[in-house]
């Protein structure tokens, strides 16, 4: 399946991009992976990494402590 997308660039010129989507099944989409935890099935595919997913956005900040600002040497 091939889609051609036209993006406006600088309001005057146009850039053309070709996006090729490879899908094993006849329909694009679905979960990318599932995992079984104690008999419960969870989707662990790309949907959990969506930019509007609050938990996906906040997870990295819980792993790394905030940086401290150090004074500049004179």
PDB file of N, CA and C in Angstrom:
ATOM      1  N   UNK A   1       0.851  -1.159   0.000  1.00  0.00           N
ATOM      2  CA  UNK A   1       0.000   0.000   0.000  1.00  0.00           C
ATOM      3  C   UNK A   1       0.904   1.231   0.000  1.00  0.00           C
ATOM      4  N   UNK A   2       0.632   2.171  -0.855  1.00  0.00           N
ATOM      5  CA  UNK A   2       1.469   3.359  -0.972  1.00  0.00           C
ATOM      6  C   UNK A   2       0.600   4.604  -0.880  1.00  0.00           C
ATOM      7  N   UNK A   3       0.965   5.514   0.009  1.00  0.00           N
ATOM      8  CA  UNK A   3       0.247   6.773   0.172  1.00  0.00           C
ATOM      9  C   UNK A   3       1.197   7.915  -0.178  1.00  0.00           C
ATOM     10  N   UNK A   4       0.721   8.893  -0.889  1.00  0.00           N
ATOM     11  CA  UNK A   4       1.509  10.080  -1.193  1.00  0.00           C
ATOM     12  C   UNK A   4       0.903  11.247  -0.439  1.00  0.00           C
ATOM     13  N   UNK A   5       1.723  11.938   0.340  1.00  0.00           N
ATOM     14  CA  UNK A   5       1.257  13.045   1.149  1.00  0.00           C
ATOM     15  C   UNK A   5       1.918  14.333   0.687  1.00  0.00           C
ATOM     16  N   UNK A   6       1.136  15.385   0.577  1.00  0.00           N
ATOM     17  CA  UNK A   6       1.673  16.684   0.180  1.00  0.00           C
ATOM     18  C   UNK A   6       1.702  17.585   1.408  1.00  0.00           C
ATOM     19  N   UNK A   7       2.867  18.075   1.761  1.00  0.00           N
ATOM     20  CA  UNK A   7       3.008  18.964   2.910  1.00  0.00           C
ATOM     21  C   UNK A   7       3.357  20.367   2.442  1.00  0.00           C
ATOM     22  N   UNK A   8       2.716  21.337   3.052  1.00  0.00           N
ATOM     23  CA  UNK A   8       3.030  22.712   2.679  1.00  0.00           C
ATOM     24  C   UNK A   8       4.349  23.112   3.316  1.00  0.00           C
ATOM     25  N   UNK A   9       5.200  23.770   2.563  1.00  0.00           N
ATOM     26  CA  UNK A   9       6.507  24.184   3.063  1.00  0.00           C
ATOM     27  C   UNK A   9       6.718  25.652   2.707  1.00  0.00           C
ATOM     28  N   UNK A  10       6.896  26.489   3.741  1.00  0.00           N
ATOM     29  CA  UNK A  10       7.128  27.928   3.580  1.00  0.00           C
ATOM     30  C   UNK A  10       5.999  28.633   2.823  1.00  0.00           C
ATOM     31  N   UNK A  11       4.822  28.100   2.837  1.00  0.00           N
ATOM     32  CA  UNK A  11       3.640  28.677   2.183  1.00  0.00           C
ATOM     33  C   UNK A  11       3.806  28.907   0.684  1.00  0.00           C
ATOM     34  N   UNK A  12       4.927  28.572   0.110  1.00  0.00           N
ATOM     35  CA  UNK A  12       5.143  28.787  -1.320  1.00  0.00           C
ATOM     36  C   UNK A  12       5.504  27.501  -2.044  1.00  0.00           C
ATOM     37  N   UNK A  13       6.419  26.754  -1.459  1.00  0.00           N
ATOM     38  CA  UNK A  13       6.895  25.528  -2.092  1.00  0.00           C
ATOM     39  C   UNK A  13       6.184  24.327  -1.486  1.00  0.00           C
ATOM     40  N   UNK A  14       6.169  23.249  -2.200  1.00  0.00           N
ATOM     41  CA  UNK A  14       5.557  22.026  -1.711  1.00  0.00           C
ATOM     42  C   UNK A  14       6.582  20.917  -1.748  1.00  0.00           C
ATOM     43  N   UNK A  15       6.576  20.116  -0.686  1.00  0.00           N
ATOM     44  CA  UNK A  15       7.457  18.956  -0.616  1.00  0.00           C
ATOM     45  C   UNK A  15       6.571  17.715  -0.718  1.00  0.00           C
ATOM     46  N   UNK A  16       7.024  16.723  -1.435  1.00  0.00           N
ATOM     47  CA  UNK A  16       6.262  15.496  -1.609  1.00  0.00           C
ATOM     48  C   UNK A  16       6.982  14.355  -0.905  1.00  0.00           C
ATOM     49  N   UNK A  17       6.214  13.572  -0.163  1.00  0.00           N
ATOM     50  CA  UNK A  17       6.761  12.438   0.554  1.00  0.00           C
ATOM     51  C   UNK A  17       5.989  11.196   0.156  1.00  0.00           C
ATOM     52  N   UNK A  18       6.677  10.110   0.021  1.00  0.00           N
ATOM     53  CA  UNK A  18       6.054   8.819  -0.237  1.00  0.00           C
ATOM     54  C   UNK A  18       6.218   7.984   1.023  1.00  0.00           C
ATOM     55  N   UNK A  19       5.110   7.506   1.534  1.00  0.00           N
ATOM     56  CA  UNK A  19       5.130   6.678   2.733  1.00  0.00           C
ATOM     57  C   UNK A  19       4.686   5.283   2.338  1.00  0.00           C
ATOM     58  N   UNK A  20       5.502   4.308   2.623  1.00  0.00           N
ATOM     59  CA  UNK A  20       5.179   2.922   2.314  1.00  0.00           C
ATOM     60  C   UNK A  20       4.849   2.212   3.622  1.00  0.00           C
ATOM     61  N   UNK A  21       3.666   1.633   3.691  1.00  0.00           N
ATOM     62  CA  UNK A  21       3.220   0.916   4.879  1.00  0.00           C
ATOM     63  C   UNK A  21       3.253  -0.569   4.571  1.00  0.00           C
ATOM     64  N   UNK A  22       3.998  -1.300   5.377  1.00  0.00           N
ATOM     65  CA  UNK A  22       4.094  -2.748   5.208  1.00  0.00           C
ATOM     66  C   UNK A  22       3.254  -3.408   6.292  1.00  0.00           C
ATOM     67  N   UNK A  23       2.334  -4.248   5.896  1.00  0.00           N
ATOM     68  CA  UNK A  23       1.452  -4.922   6.849  1.00  0.00           C
ATOM     69  C   UNK A  23       1.279  -6.359   6.415  1.00  0.00           C
ATOM     70  N   UNK A  24       1.454  -7.259   7.354  1.00  0.00           N
ATOM     71  CA  UNK A  24       1.348  -8.683   7.069  1.00  0.00           C
ATOM     72  C   UNK A  24      -0.092  -9.084   6.754  1.00  0.00           C
ATOM     73  N   UNK A  25      -1.047  -8.436   7.395  1.00  0.00           N
ATOM     74  CA  UNK A  25      -2.458  -8.786   7.221  1.00  0.00           C
ATOM     75  C   UNK A  25      -3.111  -7.886   6.182  1.00  0.00           C
ATOM     76  N   UNK A  26      -4.343  -8.196   5.839  1.00  0.00           N
ATOM     77  CA  UNK A  26      -5.059  -7.413   4.847  1.00  0.00           C
ATOM     78  C   UNK A  26      -5.515  -6.057   5.346  1.00  0.00           C
ATOM     79  N   UNK A  27      -5.528  -5.857   6.672  1.00  0.00           N
ATOM     80  CA  UNK A  27      -5.970  -4.606   7.276  1.00  0.00           C
ATOM     81  C   UNK A  27      -4.820  -4.022   8.087  1.00  0.00           C
ATOM     82  N   UNK A  28      -4.569  -2.729   7.923  1.00  0.00           N
ATOM     83  CA  UNK A  28      -3.516  -2.069   8.691  1.00  0.00           C
ATOM     84  C   UNK A  28      -4.052  -1.754  10.075  1.00  0.00           C
ATOM     85  N   UNK A  29      -3.268  -2.068  11.093  1.00  0.00           N
ATOM     86  CA  UNK A  29      -3.658  -1.737  12.460  1.00  0.00           C
ATOM     87  C   UNK A  29      -3.650  -2.951  13.353  1.00  0.00           C
ATOM     88  N   UNK A  30      -4.163  -2.756  14.547  1.00  0.00           N
ATOM     89  CA  UNK A  30      -4.180  -3.822  15.531  1.00  0.00           C
ATOM     90  C   UNK A  30      -3.038  -3.664  16.512  1.00  0.00           C
ATOM     91  N   UNK A  31      -3.054  -4.522  17.530  1.00  0.00           N
ATOM     92  CA  UNK A  31      -1.994  -4.423  18.529  1.00  0.00           C
ATOM     93  C   UNK A  31      -0.693  -4.995  17.977  1.00  0.00           C
ATOM     94  N   UNK A  32       0.410  -4.434  18.399  1.00  0.00           N
ATOM     95  CA  UNK A  32       1.712  -4.892  17.930  1.00  0.00           C
ATOM     96  C   UNK A  32       2.200  -6.080  18.741  1.00  0.00           C
ATOM     97  N   UNK A  33       1.860  -6.113  20.015  1.00  0.00           N
ATOM     98  CA  UNK A  33       2.315  -7.203  20.867  1.00  0.00           C
ATOM     99  C   UNK A  33       1.400  -7.296  22.082  1.00  0.00           C
ATOM    100  N   UNK A  34       1.287  -8.495  22.619  1.00  0.00           N
ATOM    101  CA  UNK A  34       0.539  -8.695  23.856  1.00  0.00           C
ATOM    102  C   UNK A  34       1.420  -9.473  24.817  1.00  0.00           C
ATOM    103  N   UNK A  35       1.113  -9.348  26.108  1.00  0.00           N
ATOM    104  CA  UNK A  35       1.864 -10.059  27.129  1.00  0.00           C
ATOM    105  C   UNK A  35       0.871 -10.645  28.124  1.00  0.00           C
ATOM    106  N   UNK A  36       1.190 -11.816  28.643  1.00  0.00           N
ATOM    107  CA  UNK A  36       0.350 -12.495  29.618  1.00  0.00           C
ATOM    108  C   UNK A  36       1.004 -12.350  30.984  1.00  0.00           C
ATOM    109  N   UNK A  37       0.315 -11.668  31.907  1.00  0.00           N
ATOM    110  CA  UNK A  37       0.816 -11.513  33.269  1.00  0.00           C
ATOM    111  C   UNK A  37      -0.203 -12.131  34.207  1.00  0.00           C
ATOM    112  N   UNK A  38       0.172 -13.237  34.818  1.00  0.00           N
ATOM    113  CA  UNK A  38      -0.694 -13.945  35.767  1.00  0.00           C
ATOM    114  C   UNK A  38      -2.069 -14.239  35.185  1.00  0.00           C
ATOM    115  N   UNK A  39      -2.111 -14.623  33.925  1.00  0.00           N
ATOM    116  CA  UNK A  39      -3.360 -14.984  33.283  1.00  0.00           C
ATOM    117  C   UNK A  39      -4.124 -13.822  32.673  1.00  0.00           C
ATOM    118  N   UNK A  40      -3.679 -12.607  32.899  1.00  0.00           N
ATOM    119  CA  UNK A  40      -4.315 -11.433  32.301  1.00  0.00           C
ATOM    120  C   UNK A  40      -3.521 -11.014  31.076  1.00  0.00           C
ATOM    121  N   UNK A  41      -4.230 -10.703  29.990  1.00  0.00           N
ATOM    122  CA  UNK A  41      -3.592 -10.312  28.732  1.00  0.00           C
ATOM    123  C   UNK A  41      -3.569  -8.788  28.639  1.00  0.00           C
ATOM    124  N   UNK A  42      -2.418  -8.229  28.332  1.00  0.00           N
ATOM    125  CA  UNK A  42      -2.249  -6.786  28.188  1.00  0.00           C
ATOM    126  C   UNK A  42      -1.639  -6.479  26.831  1.00  0.00           C
ATOM    127  N   UNK A  43      -2.128  -5.411  26.191  1.00  0.00           N
ATOM    128  CA  UNK A  43      -1.525  -4.950  24.948  1.00  0.00           C
ATOM    129  C   UNK A  43      -0.314  -4.104  25.302  1.00  0.00           C
ATOM    130  N   UNK A  44       0.805  -4.401  24.683  1.00  0.00           N
ATOM    131  CA  UNK A  44       2.034  -3.641  24.927  1.00  0.00           C
ATOM    132  C   UNK A  44       2.557  -3.077  23.613  1.00  0.00           C
ATOM    133  N   UNK A  45       1.647  -2.810  22.709  1.00  0.00           N
ATOM    134  CA  UNK A  45       2.031  -2.308  21.393  1.00  0.00           C
ATOM    135  C   UNK A  45       2.224  -0.808  21.377  1.00  0.00           C
ATOM    136  N   UNK A  46       2.235  -0.244  20.195  1.00  0.00           N
ATOM    137  CA  UNK A  46       2.547   1.173  20.007  1.00  0.00           C
ATOM    138  C   UNK A  46       1.494   2.098  20.605  1.00  0.00           C
ATOM    139  N   UNK A  47       0.282   1.621  20.843  1.00  0.00           N
ATOM    140  CA  UNK A  47      -0.758   2.513  21.367  1.00  0.00           C
ATOM    141  C   UNK A  47      -0.391   3.076  22.728  1.00  0.00           C
ATOM    142  N   UNK A  48       0.424   2.341  23.504  1.00  0.00           N
ATOM    143  CA  UNK A  48       0.800   2.871  24.815  1.00  0.00           C
ATOM    144  C   UNK A  48       1.812   3.996  24.687  1.00  0.00           C
ATOM    145  N   UNK A  49       2.416   4.165  23.513  1.00  0.00           N
ATOM    146  CA  UNK A  49       3.417   5.206  23.306  1.00  0.00           C
ATOM    147  C   UNK A  49       2.844   6.427  22.598  1.00  0.00           C
ATOM    148  N   UNK A  50       1.536   6.514  22.527  1.00  0.00           N
ATOM    149  CA  UNK A  50       0.885   7.644  21.859  1.00  0.00           C
ATOM    150  C   UNK A  50       1.225   8.935  22.601  1.00  0.00           C
ATOM    151  N   UNK A  51       1.495  10.035  21.891  1.00  0.00           N
ATOM    152  CA  UNK A  51       1.899  11.276  22.555  1.00  0.00           C
ATOM    153  C   UNK A  51       0.857  11.869  23.500  1.00  0.00           C
ATOM    154  N   UNK A  52      -0.398  11.451  23.398  1.00  0.00           N
ATOM    155  CA  UNK A  52      -1.419  11.954  24.314  1.00  0.00           C
ATOM    156  C   UNK A  52      -1.604  11.035  25.525  1.00  0.00           C
ATOM    157  N   UNK A  53      -0.827   9.970  25.605  1.00  0.00           N
ATOM    158  CA  UNK A  53      -0.914   9.053  26.735  1.00  0.00           C
ATOM    159  C   UNK A  53      -0.131   9.643  27.901  1.00  0.00           C
ATOM    160  N   UNK A  54      -0.838  10.083  28.934  1.00  0.00           N
ATOM    161  CA  UNK A  54      -0.216  10.729  30.091  1.00  0.00           C
ATOM    162  C   UNK A  54       0.860   9.854  30.716  1.00  0.00           C
ATOM    163  N   UNK A  55       0.583   8.574  30.892  1.00  0.00           N
ATOM    164  CA  UNK A  55       1.526   7.687  31.564  1.00  0.00           C
ATOM    165  C   UNK A  55       2.789   7.477  30.739  1.00  0.00           C
ATOM    166  N   UNK A  56       2.649   7.396  29.425  1.00  0.00           N
ATOM    167  CA  UNK A  56       3.828   7.242  28.572  1.00  0.00           C
ATOM    168  C   UNK A  56       4.690   8.494  28.613  1.00  0.00           C
ATOM    169  N   UNK A  57       4.072   9.663  28.751  1.00  0.00           N
ATOM    170  CA  UNK A  57       4.832  10.907  28.820  1.00  0.00           C
ATOM    171  C   UNK A  57       5.517  11.086  30.167  1.00  0.00           C
ATOM    172  N   UNK A  58       4.860  10.668  31.246  1.00  0.00           N
ATOM    173  CA  UNK A  58       5.401  10.880  32.584  1.00  0.00           C
ATOM    174  C   UNK A  58       6.370   9.789  33.028  1.00  0.00           C
ATOM    175  N   UNK A  59       6.333   8.631  32.395  1.00  0.00           N
ATOM    176  CA  UNK A  59       7.179   7.508  32.813  1.00  0.00           C
ATOM    177  C   UNK A  59       8.669   7.842  32.801  1.00  0.00           C
ATOM    178  N   UNK A  60       9.211   8.447  31.742  1.00  0.00           N
ATOM    179  CA  UNK A  60      10.654   8.756  31.755  1.00  0.00           C
ATOM    180  C   UNK A  60      11.048   9.704  32.877  1.00  0.00           C
ATOM    181  N   UNK A  61      10.178  10.645  33.241  1.00  0.00           N
ATOM    182  CA  UNK A  61      10.529  11.581  34.307  1.00  0.00           C
ATOM    183  C   UNK A  61      10.583  10.895  35.658  1.00  0.00           C
ATOM    184  N   UNK A  62       9.882   9.778  35.817  1.00  0.00           N
ATOM    185  CA  UNK A  62       9.938   9.055  37.085  1.00  0.00           C
ATOM    186  C   UNK A  62      11.231   8.255  37.216  1.00  0.00           C
ATOM    187  N   UNK A  63      11.915   8.018  36.121  1.00  0.00           N
ATOM    188  CA  UNK A  63      13.156   7.247  36.154  1.00  0.00           C
ATOM    189  C   UNK A  63      14.386   8.115  36.367  1.00  0.00           C
ATOM    190  N   UNK A  64      14.321   9.346  35.917  1.00  0.00           N
ATOM    191  CA  UNK A  64      15.489  10.231  35.969  1.00  0.00           C
ATOM    192  C   UNK A  64      15.201  11.372  36.933  1.00  0.00           C
ATOM    193  N   UNK A  65      16.064  11.561  37.942  1.00  0.00           N
ATOM    194  CA  UNK A  65      15.824  12.691  38.851  1.00  0.00           C
ATOM    195  C   UNK A  65      16.015  14.015  38.122  1.00  0.00           C
ATOM    196  N   UNK A  66      15.360  15.073  38.588  1.00  0.00           N
ATOM    197  CA  UNK A  66      15.513  16.368  37.921  1.00  0.00           C
ATOM    198  C   UNK A  66      16.960  16.854  37.985  1.00  0.00           C
ATOM    199  N   UNK A  67      17.374  17.550  36.950  1.00  0.00           N
ATOM    200  CA  UNK A  67      18.729  18.090  36.910  1.00  0.00           C
ATOM    201  C   UNK A  67      18.815  19.331  37.787  1.00  0.00           C
ATOM    202  N   UNK A  68      19.941  19.459  38.472  1.00  0.00           N
ATOM    203  CA  UNK A  68      20.168  20.644  39.295  1.00  0.00           C
ATOM    204  C   UNK A  68      20.958  21.657  38.489  1.00  0.00           C
ATOM    205  N   UNK A  69      20.590  22.918  38.626  1.00  0.00           N
ATOM    206  CA  UNK A  69      21.343  23.971  37.958  1.00  0.00           C
ATOM    207  C   UNK A  69      22.574  24.283  38.797  1.00  0.00           C
ATOM    208  N   UNK A  70      23.713  24.227  38.167  1.00  0.00           N
ATOM    209  CA  UNK A  70      24.967  24.535  38.847  1.00  0.00           C
ATOM    210  C   UNK A  70      25.399  25.946  38.488  1.00  0.00           C
ATOM    211  N   UNK A  71      26.038  26.637  39.431  1.00  0.00           N
ATOM    212  CA  UNK A  71      26.511  27.983  39.103  1.00  0.00           C
ATOM    213  C   UNK A  71      27.619  27.922  38.062  1.00  0.00           C
ATOM    214  N   UNK A  72      27.651  28.909  37.199  1.00  0.00           N
ATOM    215  CA  UNK A  72      28.691  28.974  36.180  1.00  0.00           C
ATOM    216  C   UNK A  72      30.001  29.415  36.816  1.00  0.00           C
ATOM    217  N   UNK A  73      31.125  28.809  36.393  1.00  0.00           N
ATOM    218  CA  UNK A  73      32.417  29.243  36.943  1.00  0.00           C
ATOM    219  C   UNK A  73      32.755  30.656  36.461  1.00  0.00           C
ATOM    220  N   UNK A  74      33.418  31.404  37.316  1.00  0.00           N
ATOM    221  CA  UNK A  74      33.797  32.779  36.948  1.00  0.00           C
ATOM    222  C   UNK A  74      35.066  32.807  36.153  1.00  0.00           C
TER     223      UNK A  74
END
